[in-house]
């Protein structure tokens, strides 16, 4: 995985990120020698978000199947959450 220093990013701007993503799907930005951030292109980000939402859906379905749900009105839900 390509590594970009915060100083390179500051000096060279987004072009250093673009160059890094030509060789890899992701790049790490380091700050004071420590890995701090990961940069990915928007296509890969969208794919990861889709996976995340799919996992949330599977978890919700498992909760319903296991009976870990409440059936209540909107007003009762709001009251329960606010209390």
C-alpha atoms as a PDB file:
ATOM      1  CA  UNK A   1       0.000   0.000   0.000  1.00  0.00           C
ATOM      2  CA  UNK A   2       1.276   3.427  -0.911  1.00  0.00           C
ATOM      3  CA  UNK A   3       2.169   5.797   1.904  1.00  0.00           C
ATOM      4  CA  UNK A   4       1.864   9.593   1.700  1.00  0.00           C
ATOM      5  CA  UNK A   5       3.292  11.909   4.289  1.00  0.00           C
ATOM      6  CA  UNK A   6       1.158  14.777   5.537  1.00  0.00           C
ATOM      7  CA  UNK A   7       3.946  17.121   4.471  1.00  0.00           C
ATOM      8  CA  UNK A   8       3.866  15.775   0.881  1.00  0.00           C
ATOM      9  CA  UNK A   9       0.110  16.239   0.857  1.00  0.00           C
ATOM     10  CA  UNK A  10       0.495  19.791   2.141  1.00  0.00           C
ATOM     11  CA  UNK A  11       3.126  20.690  -0.446  1.00  0.00           C
ATOM     12  CA  UNK A  12       1.911  18.775  -3.498  1.00  0.00           C
ATOM     13  CA  UNK A  13      -1.816  18.751  -2.841  1.00  0.00           C
ATOM     14  CA  UNK A  14      -4.316  16.288  -4.210  1.00  0.00           C
ATOM     15  CA  UNK A  15      -2.012  15.294  -7.084  1.00  0.00           C
ATOM     16  CA  UNK A  16       0.040  13.169  -4.674  1.00  0.00           C
ATOM     17  CA  UNK A  17      -3.146  11.278  -3.766  1.00  0.00           C
ATOM     18  CA  UNK A  18      -4.079  10.830  -7.420  1.00  0.00           C
ATOM     19  CA  UNK A  19      -0.606   9.466  -8.180  1.00  0.00           C
ATOM     20  CA  UNK A  20      -0.745   7.071  -5.227  1.00  0.00           C
ATOM     21  CA  UNK A  21      -4.135   5.717  -6.286  1.00  0.00           C
ATOM     22  CA  UNK A  22      -2.835   4.942  -9.772  1.00  0.00           C
ATOM     23  CA  UNK A  23      -0.676   2.166  -8.290  1.00  0.00           C
ATOM     24  CA  UNK A  24      -2.922   1.006  -5.434  1.00  0.00           C
ATOM     25  CA  UNK A  25      -6.595   0.962  -4.485  1.00  0.00           C
ATOM     26  CA  UNK A  26      -5.811   2.791  -1.279  1.00  0.00           C
ATOM     27  CA  UNK A  27      -3.126   4.984   0.239  1.00  0.00           C
ATOM     28  CA  UNK A  28      -2.150   5.675   3.829  1.00  0.00           C
ATOM     29  CA  UNK A  29      -1.487   9.217   4.973  1.00  0.00           C
ATOM     30  CA  UNK A  30       1.083   9.383   7.723  1.00  0.00           C
ATOM     31  CA  UNK A  31       1.339  12.176  10.267  1.00  0.00           C
ATOM     32  CA  UNK A  32       4.598  12.487  12.175  1.00  0.00           C
ATOM     33  CA  UNK A  33       5.589   9.014  11.006  1.00  0.00           C
ATOM     34  CA  UNK A  34       2.407   7.286  12.169  1.00  0.00           C
ATOM     35  CA  UNK A  35      -0.387   5.917   9.971  1.00  0.00           C
ATOM     36  CA  UNK A  36      -3.337   8.248  10.460  1.00  0.00           C
ATOM     37  CA  UNK A  37      -5.733   8.117   7.482  1.00  0.00           C
ATOM     38  CA  UNK A  38      -6.609   5.904   4.528  1.00  0.00           C
ATOM     39  CA  UNK A  39      -7.638   7.414   1.208  1.00  0.00           C
ATOM     40  CA  UNK A  40      -9.621   5.436  -1.371  1.00  0.00           C
ATOM     41  CA  UNK A  41     -11.340   6.383  -4.589  1.00  0.00           C
ATOM     42  CA  UNK A  42     -15.082   7.052  -4.572  1.00  0.00           C
ATOM     43  CA  UNK A  43     -15.904   3.829  -6.427  1.00  0.00           C
ATOM     44  CA  UNK A  44     -14.236   1.722  -3.749  1.00  0.00           C
ATOM     45  CA  UNK A  45     -15.791   3.847  -0.994  1.00  0.00           C
ATOM     46  CA  UNK A  46     -19.262   3.270  -2.460  1.00  0.00           C
ATOM     47  CA  UNK A  47     -18.594  -0.466  -2.591  1.00  0.00           C
ATOM     48  CA  UNK A  48     -17.498  -0.507   1.066  1.00  0.00           C
ATOM     49  CA  UNK A  49     -20.599   1.477   2.094  1.00  0.00           C
ATOM     50  CA  UNK A  50     -22.766  -0.998   0.223  1.00  0.00           C
ATOM     51  CA  UNK A  51     -21.137  -3.870   2.152  1.00  0.00           C
ATOM     52  CA  UNK A  52     -21.638  -2.007   5.410  1.00  0.00           C
ATOM     53  CA  UNK A  53     -25.336  -1.475   4.665  1.00  0.00           C
ATOM     54  CA  UNK A  54     -25.733  -5.128   3.662  1.00  0.00           C
ATOM     55  CA  UNK A  55     -24.259  -6.227   7.007  1.00  0.00           C
ATOM     56  CA  UNK A  56     -26.637  -3.870   8.849  1.00  0.00           C
ATOM     57  CA  UNK A  57     -29.575  -5.382   6.952  1.00  0.00           C
ATOM     58  CA  UNK A  58     -28.457  -8.931   7.810  1.00  0.00           C
ATOM     59  CA  UNK A  59     -28.108  -7.953  11.482  1.00  0.00           C
ATOM     60  CA  UNK A  60     -31.584  -6.385  11.494  1.00  0.00           C
ATOM     61  CA  UNK A  61     -33.085  -9.499   9.908  1.00  0.00           C
ATOM     62  CA  UNK A  62     -31.349 -11.677  12.516  1.00  0.00           C
ATOM     63  CA  UNK A  63     -32.778  -9.477  15.285  1.00  0.00           C
ATOM     64  CA  UNK A  64     -36.282  -9.841  13.849  1.00  0.00           C
ATOM     65  CA  UNK A  65     -35.883 -13.613  13.483  1.00  0.00           C
ATOM     66  CA  UNK A  66     -34.645 -13.887  17.091  1.00  0.00           C
ATOM     67  CA  UNK A  67     -37.490 -11.734  18.423  1.00  0.00           C
ATOM     68  CA  UNK A  68     -35.238  -8.872  19.509  1.00  0.00           C
ATOM     69  CA  UNK A  69     -37.687  -6.198  18.322  1.00  0.00           C
ATOM     70  CA  UNK A  70     -40.378  -3.984  19.835  1.00  0.00           C
ATOM     71  CA  UNK A  71     -43.716  -3.287  18.195  1.00  0.00           C
ATOM     72  CA  UNK A  72     -44.918   0.140  19.280  1.00  0.00           C
ATOM     73  CA  UNK A  73     -46.357   3.366  17.965  1.00  0.00           C
ATOM     74  CA  UNK A  74     -44.188   6.276  16.925  1.00  0.00           C
ATOM     75  CA  UNK A  75     -45.310   8.190  20.001  1.00  0.00           C
ATOM     76  CA  UNK A  76     -44.415   5.296  22.325  1.00  0.00           C
ATOM     77  CA  UNK A  77     -41.050   4.916  20.632  1.00  0.00           C
ATOM     78  CA  UNK A  78     -40.218   8.611  20.965  1.00  0.00           C
ATOM     79  CA  UNK A  79     -41.286   8.589  24.619  1.00  0.00           C
ATOM     80  CA  UNK A  80     -39.142   5.494  25.326  1.00  0.00           C
ATOM     81  CA  UNK A  81     -36.115   6.993  23.586  1.00  0.00           C
ATOM     82  CA  UNK A  82     -36.474  10.379  25.281  1.00  0.00           C
ATOM     83  CA  UNK A  83     -36.914   8.941  28.797  1.00  0.00           C
END
